[in-house]
Structure formats: C-alpha cells, structure tokens
Amino acid sequence: MIDVHVPDEQEGTKAVVRAWLVKVGESVAENDPLVELETDKVTQEVPAPAAGVLTQIILDTDSEAEPGALLGRIDPSGEASGTPEAEEAPAKVDAPKVAPASETKPAVMKETRLSPAVKRAVIQHDIDPGHIEGTGKNGRITLEDVDRAVASATVSHVGAPKTAQPRVVEPFAAQDIPHDRMRKTIAENMVKAVTAAPHVTALFECDFSAVAAHKAAMKAKGVKLSYTAYILKAASEAMAVAPAINGRWEEDRIAVSSTIDIGVGTALGDKGLVVPVVRDVGSLSLEEAGKALDALTTKAREGKLDRKDVSGGSFTISNHGVSGSLLASPIILHQGQAAILGIGKLEKRVVVRELDGQDVMVIRPMAYVTLTIDHRVVDGHQTNAWLSRFVEVLETWPAA
C-alpha cells in the first residue's frame, strides 16, 4: 500500500478535507487530482503519489487535516471495481452507429467530475457545466473556464440588439448565504488580527509620472510591466530606512525577517481573496519581480496555488485601487506582520508644482498610499520615514 499524506507546507493555518475527487475502489493515475484540501488562504488539490486503486479513505470530507497526516491509501497493484455510473446505466439503449474502421478515432476520456469550488461557481452563476468547454487535464472544467463562460454571457447580453424586449427588473429578494469554510476562517483571522494588534494608518500621496514614463518606455522595448512590480521594488527599498516594518511582534522581541517576502492581495471575484508571496524581493530586479508576480497571479486565477505560494510573507501589499477605491483605512494586518501597504486608485488629478520659481497647476497621475502598522512594533516616526522613502523611490524613478 502507498500512503497519501497532507503536504507539510502549512503556515499555522488549519486545513480541512473539502472533497475526495476519487471514490474508494476507483483507479487513479499518478499525479491525477485525488483529494481537495482547503485553508483560509488557498484550496489545494493533492495529487496521487502513484497509479493504482484508492482502497481506503482515512480523513473523510470535513475532517481537519494536520500537515503530514494520513489521508488515505492506494494499492498500486489493485483493480478498479465497477463504477456507479456503469451500475446506473439504463437496461436498454439504442445501438450507436459505428463509423467505418478507417474513420474510427481513439476515444478521449473527458473528465466530467467538478471540484467543489467549480460546483459552487456554476451554481452561483446559474450556468450549465455541460455548456462549458474544460481546459484542465482530460478536459476538466476549471474556475478560469467558468469565469470565461460568465464573461461571454455578459458580453452577449450587453451586445443584444436594440429591438430586444426591455428586461423587467424583479424586486430584490432577501436571501441567506451560508458561510463556506474559507469565509468563516477569514472572519476568525480578521477578528484575531484586530484584537491582538493596535492598528494605526498613515496617509501619503504619490505622483506616478516617472513610473508611468518608465513603464511606457519598457513596453516600447517589448517588456510589459505592471504598476505592482514597481510598487514591490519601491517597498523593498523603503525597508532600509525602517527595517522593523519587515518584522513581526513576538512576546519577547521584535523579529525582523532576513529577507523581504512580500504578499500581494489578489482578488478572485466572488471566490474571495488570496495573497501569493513574492520571495526575496530585495534580491530581484524590476523585471524579475514582475515575472515572479505574473506567474503567481496566473496560478491564483487558475486555482493552482500551493501552500508554499501563500505562506511565509513578511509584508503585504493591498492594491485595492484596482477595484476603484481611492482610500481604504485601516486595512487589516496579515496576522503576525507589522505592516500592510495600501494603494488607492491611480487617477489624473490637478496638483500644484513649482516651475521656474512659480506655482503652477498641472495634471499628474496620482494615488493615495497608506501604511497601516502594528503600533506595538513600530511608531509614527518609522511609519512616516518608510512612506517618505517609498514615495521618493516611485517619484524619482530613473528614465529607461
């Protein structure tokens, strides 16, 4: 027998068995999705460590799963039993027409099982999964496939001909939305964070003109960078003036991390928020930071983040402006961290600048930036010094 264990990478979060994707008695190929685990940060599929037949489930659905715990067992030499689908087949069906041998093509088995996350998404958006083309392994439907189907339906509705009958808007109906595990765990962590740490927020304003010019010049050279890549690098440089910002409160000390590992809040629509971590940002170039961030963002939107991708952060960025807000305060600290940076919506605003000794009004791309701190770890002077340096790095970004 081959044992299947909970992965060891886990940052103090409680994992729960969300669903088994294979039943006892069914065969599975090596690295096929076997069981789905969920924490407050990420939903993770545990792959089969070897090909064989699932013979035993130790931790069933809703069981707590500690790192290294035994989930189930696979018999590499076993034979699969009859599937429920086969047993429930109708007694009599019309014989299908068989194509000539020269036209016969090998059959491709399409994976029709849905993960719990996909099931919840199709129910929420009232979509028939049979109409969604899966792009996952063996044609399996992923969350990204559901998102594309929702977007397509939205575009189709917006592009409807003007002759269409006006849609009758029904009165908004009251409803009860049950908490899922991720929402409940997030709520528990938020309460713990605000209870344990005194939150204080400082507000600055930042001119992104220099960054916008550099970004445009890099794009002309074939290098596409997001504003968040610049924010990552500016944040890492600002740590030099206030290292405790990259630390955490411990009962007997302030523990400052030796590397700058920055988590970036990534919204997944109605599916919640995850915070993948870009490792050792201080050692990365701008382009390297951008590539690392893009890779993690893609994994997040495809639902493929591992626990190691969301653990071990020493600082966090909340780029809440991408969804339209100018200011958010306070932004709740990631539990244990000393600070979190908030970036508001980037928009053109009229500001006063000095030109040739005269005050003039100019239009610049501006954004409000905040730093919310654990006041046990750092004080106002350190907070303002950090923000001053952060803004200075962005506003004086050298030309490409």
Protein backbone atom coordinates (compact mmCIF):
# COMPACT_ATOMS: atom_id res chain seq x y z
CA MET A 1 0.00 0.00 0.00
CA ILE A 2 1.08 3.57 -0.71
CA ASP A 3 0.14 6.20 1.87
CA VAL A 4 -1.23 9.59 0.83
CA HIS A 5 -0.28 12.39 3.24
CA VAL A 6 -1.26 16.03 3.80
CA PRO A 7 1.53 18.25 2.39
CA ASP A 8 3.92 19.56 5.03
CA GLU A 9 3.91 23.18 3.76
CA GLN A 10 1.47 24.94 6.04
CA GLU A 11 1.83 28.28 7.84
CA GLY A 12 -0.11 27.74 11.02
CA THR A 13 -3.41 27.56 9.16
CA LYS A 14 -5.98 24.86 9.71
CA ALA A 15 -6.63 22.68 6.68
CA VAL A 16 -9.89 20.82 6.12
CA VAL A 17 -10.65 17.99 3.71
CA ARG A 18 -13.01 19.66 1.29
CA ALA A 19 -13.77 16.77 -1.06
CA TRP A 20 -12.42 13.48 -2.35
CA LEU A 21 -12.25 13.54 -6.15
CA VAL A 22 -11.88 9.74 -6.39
CA LYS A 23 -14.03 7.13 -4.66
CA VAL A 24 -12.82 4.02 -2.89
CA GLY A 25 -12.46 1.29 -5.50
CA GLU A 26 -11.74 3.67 -8.37
CA SER A 27 -8.44 3.70 -10.21
CA VAL A 28 -6.24 6.75 -10.45
CA ALA A 29 -3.16 7.65 -12.47
CA GLU A 30 -0.01 9.08 -10.90
CA ASN A 31 -0.31 12.85 -10.29
CA ASP A 32 -4.06 12.86 -11.02
CA PRO A 33 -6.06 15.06 -8.58
CA LEU A 34 -7.05 12.85 -5.66
CA VAL A 35 -8.39 14.99 -2.81
CA GLU A 36 -9.04 18.69 -2.27
CA LEU A 37 -7.90 20.50 0.90
CA GLU A 38 -8.93 24.00 1.97
CA THR A 39 -7.46 26.60 4.30
CA ASP A 40 -8.38 30.26 4.73
CA LYS A 41 -5.75 31.10 2.10
CA VAL A 42 -5.95 28.54 -0.66
CA THR A 43 -7.75 25.48 -1.98
CA GLN A 44 -5.22 22.80 -2.90
CA GLU A 45 -5.56 19.56 -4.83
CA VAL A 46 -3.38 16.74 -3.51
CA PRO A 47 -2.24 14.53 -6.42
CA ALA A 48 -1.99 10.77 -6.31
CA PRO A 49 1.60 9.79 -5.45
CA ALA A 50 1.33 6.71 -7.68
CA ALA A 51 -1.00 4.94 -10.07
CA GLY A 52 -3.35 2.35 -8.59
CA VAL A 53 -6.70 1.96 -6.85
CA LEU A 54 -7.88 4.02 -3.89
CA THR A 55 -8.51 1.39 -1.23
CA GLN A 56 -9.03 3.46 1.92
CA ILE A 57 -10.01 6.97 2.96
CA ILE A 58 -8.67 7.84 6.43
CA LEU A 59 -9.73 11.50 6.63
CA ASP A 60 -13.16 12.00 5.09
CA THR A 61 -14.87 15.23 3.99
CA ASP A 62 -14.90 17.99 6.67
CA SER A 63 -12.10 16.32 8.68
CA GLU A 64 -9.30 18.54 9.95
CA ALA A 65 -6.01 17.75 8.23
CA GLU A 66 -2.76 18.50 10.04
CA PRO A 67 0.48 18.70 7.99
CA GLY A 68 1.78 15.18 7.37
CA ALA A 69 -1.46 13.48 8.44
CA LEU A 70 -2.50 10.30 6.64
CA LEU A 71 -5.31 10.98 4.15
CA GLY A 72 -5.78 7.57 2.53
CA ARG A 73 -4.10 4.62 0.87
CA ILE A 74 -3.57 3.48 -2.72
CA ASP A 75 -2.98 -0.10 -3.84
CA PRO A 76 -0.62 0.10 -6.85
CA SER A 77 -1.50 -3.44 -7.92
CA GLY A 78 -5.25 -3.27 -7.32
CA GLU A 79 -8.04 -3.46 -9.87
CA ALA A 80 -10.84 -0.94 -10.02
CA SER A 81 -14.34 -2.06 -9.09
CA GLY A 82 -17.42 -1.25 -11.19
CA THR A 83 -18.22 2.45 -11.21
CA PRO A 84 -21.60 3.79 -10.05
CA GLU A 85 -22.10 5.24 -13.49
CA ALA A 86 -21.90 1.79 -15.02
CA GLU A 87 -24.28 0.29 -12.47
CA GLU A 88 -26.87 3.01 -13.04
CA ALA A 89 -26.82 2.74 -16.84
CA PRO A 90 -30.24 2.10 -18.43
CA ALA A 91 -31.04 -1.51 -19.22
CA LYS A 92 -31.70 -0.80 -22.88
CA VAL A 93 -30.31 1.85 -25.18
CA ASP A 94 -30.32 2.31 -28.91
CA ALA A 95 -27.20 0.92 -30.51
CA PRO A 96 -24.99 3.77 -31.73
CA LYS A 97 -23.97 3.97 -35.32
CA VAL A 98 -20.39 2.79 -35.73
CA ALA A 99 -18.16 4.59 -38.17
CA PRO A 100 -16.12 2.53 -40.65
CA ALA A 101 -12.82 1.28 -39.30
CA SER A 102 -10.90 3.75 -41.45
CA GLU A 103 -12.76 6.67 -39.82
CA THR A 104 -12.60 5.44 -36.24
CA LYS A 105 -10.52 7.65 -33.92
CA PRO A 106 -9.19 6.79 -30.48
CA ALA A 107 -11.66 7.78 -27.76
CA VAL A 108 -10.59 10.55 -25.40
CA MET A 109 -11.92 10.23 -21.87
CA LYS A 110 -13.33 13.57 -20.75
CA GLU A 111 -13.21 14.34 -17.03
CA THR A 112 -16.78 15.25 -16.03
CA ARG A 113 -16.34 15.49 -12.26
CA LEU A 114 -16.37 19.00 -10.84
CA SER A 115 -14.32 20.19 -7.90
CA PRO A 116 -16.39 21.74 -5.07
CA ALA A 117 -15.09 25.21 -5.99
CA VAL A 118 -16.27 24.80 -9.58
CA LYS A 119 -19.62 23.37 -8.42
CA ARG A 120 -20.17 26.42 -6.21
CA ALA A 121 -19.25 28.78 -9.05
CA VAL A 122 -21.62 27.23 -11.61
CA ILE A 123 -24.45 27.21 -9.07
CA GLN A 124 -23.77 30.84 -8.12
CA HIS A 125 -23.80 31.99 -11.75
CA ASP A 126 -26.59 29.59 -12.79
CA ILE A 127 -24.54 28.04 -15.59
CA ASP A 128 -24.96 24.56 -17.05
CA PRO A 129 -21.48 22.95 -16.83
CA GLY A 130 -22.38 20.87 -19.86
CA HIS A 131 -22.08 24.03 -21.95
CA ILE A 132 -18.59 24.88 -20.67
CA GLU A 133 -15.52 23.66 -22.51
CA GLY A 134 -12.96 22.47 -19.98
CA THR A 135 -9.30 23.32 -20.46
CA GLY A 136 -7.95 21.34 -17.50
CA LYS A 137 -6.46 17.87 -17.57
CA ASN A 138 -8.63 15.44 -19.57
CA GLY A 139 -11.00 18.31 -20.36
CA ARG A 140 -11.75 19.05 -16.72
CA ILE A 141 -13.59 22.33 -16.07
CA THR A 142 -11.55 24.86 -14.08
CA LEU A 143 -12.58 28.06 -12.29
CA GLU A 144 -10.99 30.01 -15.13
CA ASP A 145 -13.28 28.20 -17.60
CA VAL A 146 -16.29 29.24 -15.52
CA ASP A 147 -15.05 32.86 -15.44
CA ARG A 148 -14.76 32.87 -19.24
CA ALA A 149 -18.26 31.47 -19.60
CA VAL A 150 -19.65 34.17 -17.28
CA ALA A 151 -17.80 36.90 -19.21
CA SER A 152 -19.08 35.53 -22.51
CA ALA A 153 -22.65 35.52 -21.24
CA THR A 154 -22.25 39.10 -20.02
CA VAL A 155 -20.90 40.26 -23.38
CA SER A 156 -23.74 38.50 -25.20
CA HIS A 157 -26.29 40.28 -23.02
CA VAL A 158 -24.65 43.69 -23.44
CA GLY A 159 -24.47 43.19 -27.21
CA ALA A 160 -28.13 42.25 -27.57
CA PRO A 161 -29.96 44.04 -30.43
CA LYS A 162 -31.82 47.21 -29.54
CA THR A 163 -35.07 45.61 -30.69
CA ALA A 164 -34.94 43.16 -27.81
CA GLN A 165 -37.74 43.42 -25.26
CA PRO A 166 -36.85 45.51 -22.21
CA ARG A 167 -35.85 43.35 -19.27
CA VAL A 168 -38.20 43.52 -16.31
CA VAL A 169 -36.23 44.10 -13.12
CA GLU A 170 -37.62 41.98 -10.35
CA PRO A 171 -37.68 43.36 -6.78
CA PHE A 172 -34.50 42.48 -4.92
CA ALA A 173 -35.18 39.31 -2.98
CA ALA A 174 -33.87 38.75 0.54
CA GLN A 175 -31.65 35.74 0.82
CA ASP A 176 -29.47 33.87 3.28
CA ILE A 177 -26.00 32.97 2.06
CA PRO A 178 -24.46 30.19 4.17
CA HIS A 179 -20.84 30.72 5.22
CA ASP A 180 -18.33 28.49 3.49
CA ARG A 181 -15.22 27.34 5.33
CA MET A 182 -12.94 29.90 3.72
CA ARG A 183 -15.20 32.84 4.66
CA LYS A 184 -15.54 31.62 8.27
CA THR A 185 -11.78 31.13 8.65
CA ILE A 186 -11.06 34.56 7.14
CA ALA A 187 -13.52 36.10 9.61
CA GLU A 188 -11.86 34.36 12.55
CA ASN A 189 -8.42 35.57 11.45
CA MET A 190 -9.64 39.16 10.97
CA VAL A 191 -11.06 39.25 14.49
CA LYS A 192 -7.83 37.84 15.91
CA ALA A 193 -5.74 40.39 13.99
CA VAL A 194 -7.66 43.49 15.14
CA THR A 195 -7.91 42.15 18.69
CA ALA A 196 -4.19 41.41 19.02
CA ALA A 197 -2.65 44.38 17.19
CA PRO A 198 -3.39 48.10 17.65
CA HIS A 199 -3.90 49.36 14.07
CA VAL A 200 -2.73 52.85 13.08
CA THR A 201 -2.76 54.20 9.50
CA ALA A 202 -0.65 56.95 7.89
CA LEU A 203 -1.68 58.51 4.56
CA PHE A 204 0.60 59.93 1.84
CA GLU A 205 0.04 60.91 -1.79
CA CYS A 206 2.23 59.66 -4.66
CA ASP A 207 2.89 61.02 -8.17
CA PHE A 208 3.30 58.11 -10.61
CA SER A 209 4.53 60.24 -13.54
CA ALA A 210 8.09 58.87 -13.51
CA VAL A 211 6.88 55.26 -13.18
CA ALA A 212 4.33 55.74 -15.99
CA ALA A 213 7.06 57.10 -18.29
CA HIS A 214 9.43 54.22 -17.48
CA LYS A 215 6.63 51.66 -17.90
CA ALA A 216 5.75 53.08 -21.34
CA ALA A 217 9.41 53.08 -22.42
CA MET A 218 9.83 49.45 -21.32
CA LYS A 219 6.68 48.45 -23.19
CA ALA A 220 8.12 50.02 -26.36
CA LYS A 221 11.12 47.74 -25.87
CA GLY A 222 8.86 44.69 -25.61
CA VAL A 223 8.92 44.39 -21.79
CA LYS A 224 5.47 44.57 -20.19
CA LEU A 225 5.43 45.51 -16.52
CA SER A 226 2.55 46.16 -14.14
CA TYR A 227 2.48 49.06 -11.70
CA THR A 228 2.53 46.48 -8.91
CA ALA A 229 6.02 45.36 -9.98
CA TYR A 230 7.29 48.92 -9.36
CA ILE A 231 5.44 49.03 -6.04
CA LEU A 232 7.12 45.78 -4.98
CA LYS A 233 10.58 47.15 -5.68
CA ALA A 234 9.88 50.54 -4.05
CA ALA A 235 8.56 48.78 -0.94
CA SER A 236 11.68 46.62 -0.70
CA GLU A 237 13.95 49.68 -0.97
CA ALA A 238 11.99 51.54 1.71
CA MET A 239 12.73 48.77 4.23
CA ALA A 240 16.27 50.12 4.59
CA VAL A 241 15.06 53.22 6.49
CA ALA A 242 12.75 51.29 8.86
CA PRO A 243 13.67 47.58 9.00
CA ALA A 244 11.08 46.84 11.72
CA ILE A 245 8.35 47.33 9.10
CA ASN A 246 9.58 43.96 7.77
CA GLY A 247 9.26 42.38 11.20
CA ARG A 248 6.70 40.86 13.49
CA TRP A 249 5.73 41.03 17.15
CA GLU A 250 6.88 38.21 19.41
CA GLU A 251 6.28 38.04 23.14
CA ASP A 252 9.98 38.60 23.98
CA ARG A 253 11.24 40.51 20.93
CA ILE A 254 10.58 42.11 17.54
CA ALA A 255 11.67 39.56 14.93
CA VAL A 256 12.88 41.25 11.74
CA SER A 257 12.94 38.97 8.70
CA SER A 258 16.27 38.48 6.91
CA THR A 259 14.53 38.54 3.52
CA ILE A 260 11.79 40.78 2.14
CA ASP A 261 8.98 38.39 1.21
CA ILE A 262 6.00 40.42 0.05
CA GLY A 263 2.46 39.10 -0.23
CA VAL A 264 0.25 40.72 -2.86
CA GLY A 265 -3.51 40.60 -2.34
CA THR A 266 -5.12 39.04 -5.44
CA ALA A 267 -8.89 39.25 -5.79
CA LEU A 268 -10.67 36.27 -7.33
CA GLY A 269 -14.07 37.92 -7.76
CA ASP A 270 -16.80 36.27 -5.72
CA LYS A 271 -14.42 33.45 -4.89
CA GLY A 272 -12.56 35.55 -2.34
CA LEU A 273 -9.02 36.82 -1.95
CA VAL A 274 -5.65 35.09 -1.86
CA VAL A 275 -2.23 36.54 -1.03
CA PRO A 276 0.58 34.88 -3.01
CA VAL A 277 4.08 35.78 -1.79
CA VAL A 278 6.92 37.07 -3.98
CA ARG A 279 10.11 35.80 -2.31
CA ASP A 280 13.22 37.86 -1.50
CA VAL A 281 12.11 40.92 -3.48
CA GLY A 282 15.24 42.82 -2.42
CA SER A 283 17.42 40.48 -4.49
CA LEU A 284 15.26 40.70 -7.63
CA SER A 285 15.50 43.15 -10.49
CA LEU A 286 12.36 45.01 -11.57
CA GLU A 287 11.85 42.61 -14.48
CA GLU A 288 12.40 39.55 -12.25
CA ALA A 289 9.92 40.84 -9.69
CA GLY A 290 7.38 41.44 -12.47
CA LYS A 291 7.79 37.91 -13.86
CA ALA A 292 7.51 36.32 -10.42
CA LEU A 293 4.37 38.32 -9.69
CA ASP A 294 2.78 37.46 -13.06
CA ALA A 295 3.44 33.75 -12.53
CA LEU A 296 1.84 33.78 -9.09
CA THR A 297 -1.16 35.81 -10.28
CA THR A 298 -1.76 33.34 -13.11
CA LYS A 299 -1.59 30.41 -10.70
CA ALA A 300 -4.02 32.18 -8.35
CA ARG A 301 -6.61 32.77 -11.07
CA GLU A 302 -6.29 29.18 -12.28
CA GLY A 303 -6.72 27.87 -8.73
CA LYS A 304 -3.28 26.24 -8.78
CA LEU A 305 -1.56 27.92 -5.83
CA ASP A 306 0.27 25.67 -3.39
CA ARG A 307 0.55 26.37 0.32
CA LYS A 308 4.17 27.38 -0.13
CA ASP A 309 2.97 30.11 -2.54
CA VAL A 310 0.90 31.82 0.17
CA SER A 311 2.99 31.24 3.29
CA GLY A 312 5.97 32.95 4.89
CA GLY A 313 5.26 36.56 3.91
CA SER A 314 6.93 39.31 5.96
CA PHE A 315 4.95 42.26 4.49
CA THR A 316 1.78 42.66 2.43
CA ILE A 317 0.50 44.96 -0.33
CA SER A 318 -3.21 45.60 -0.83
CA ASN A 319 -3.67 47.19 -4.25
CA HIS A 320 -7.33 47.96 -3.56
CA GLY A 321 -7.36 50.78 -6.11
CA VAL A 322 -7.67 48.31 -8.99
CA SER A 323 -11.30 47.82 -7.96
CA GLY A 324 -11.94 51.57 -7.81
CA SER A 325 -11.42 52.74 -4.23
CA LEU A 326 -9.39 55.88 -3.56
CA LEU A 327 -8.73 55.12 0.09
CA ALA A 328 -9.18 52.19 2.47
CA SER A 329 -8.38 52.59 6.15
CA PRO A 330 -7.49 50.71 8.13
CA ILE A 331 -6.53 47.71 6.05
CA ILE A 332 -6.45 44.72 8.39
CA LEU A 333 -2.95 43.44 9.01
CA HIS A 334 -1.96 39.97 7.94
CA GLN A 335 -1.79 38.17 11.26
CA GLY A 336 1.69 38.43 12.77
CA GLN A 337 3.06 41.02 10.31
CA ALA A 338 3.98 44.54 11.36
CA ALA A 339 2.56 46.50 8.42
CA ILE A 340 0.45 46.44 5.27
CA LEU A 341 0.67 48.88 2.36
CA GLY A 342 -2.49 50.15 0.67
CA ILE A 343 -2.51 51.58 -2.86
CA GLY A 344 -5.56 53.57 -3.94
CA LYS A 345 -6.92 54.14 -7.45
CA LEU A 346 -4.45 55.75 -9.85
CA GLU A 347 -6.16 58.73 -11.49
CA LYS A 348 -5.26 62.02 -13.12
CA ARG A 349 -5.61 64.93 -10.70
CA VAL A 350 -4.76 68.61 -10.72
CA VAL A 351 -1.83 69.33 -8.39
CA VAL A 352 0.35 72.36 -7.70
CA ARG A 353 4.01 72.20 -8.72
CA GLU A 354 6.76 74.82 -8.81
CA LEU A 355 8.06 75.64 -12.30
CA ASP A 356 10.73 78.30 -12.85
CA GLY A 357 10.07 79.69 -9.39
CA GLN A 358 6.31 79.93 -9.95
CA ASP A 359 3.47 77.80 -8.63
CA VAL A 360 1.56 76.21 -11.49
CA MET A 361 -1.33 73.77 -11.74
CA VAL A 362 -0.52 70.58 -13.66
CA ILE A 363 -2.28 67.28 -14.29
CA ARG A 364 -0.48 64.23 -12.91
CA PRO A 365 -1.30 60.52 -12.34
CA MET A 366 -1.77 60.43 -8.57
CA ALA A 367 -2.69 57.83 -5.97
CA TYR A 368 -3.18 57.81 -2.22
CA VAL A 369 -0.88 55.36 -0.42
CA THR A 370 -1.33 54.21 3.17
CA LEU A 371 0.71 52.22 5.62
CA THR A 372 -1.23 50.51 8.39
CA ILE A 373 1.04 49.38 11.19
CA ASP A 374 1.02 47.29 14.34
CA HIS A 375 1.75 50.07 16.83
CA ARG A 376 3.42 47.59 19.16
CA VAL A 377 6.16 47.06 16.58
CA VAL A 378 6.71 50.49 15.01
CA ASP A 379 5.91 54.10 15.85
CA GLY A 380 4.71 57.05 13.79
CA HIS A 381 8.24 58.29 13.04
CA GLN A 382 9.26 54.97 11.48
CA THR A 383 5.97 54.76 9.60
CA ASN A 384 6.37 58.20 8.05
CA ALA A 385 10.05 57.59 7.26
CA TRP A 386 9.12 54.41 5.42
CA LEU A 387 6.32 56.07 3.44
CA SER A 388 8.54 59.07 2.60
CA ARG A 389 11.19 56.80 1.14
CA PHE A 390 8.61 54.65 -0.68
CA VAL A 391 7.09 57.71 -2.37
CA GLU A 392 10.52 59.14 -3.14
CA VAL A 393 11.61 55.95 -4.94
CA LEU A 394 8.50 55.98 -7.14
CA GLU A 395 8.53 59.70 -7.89
CA THR A 396 12.22 59.73 -8.83
CA TRP A 397 12.25 56.51 -10.83
CA PRO A 398 15.06 56.91 -13.43
CA ALA A 399 14.23 57.05 -17.13
CA ALA A 400 14.51 53.82 -19.13
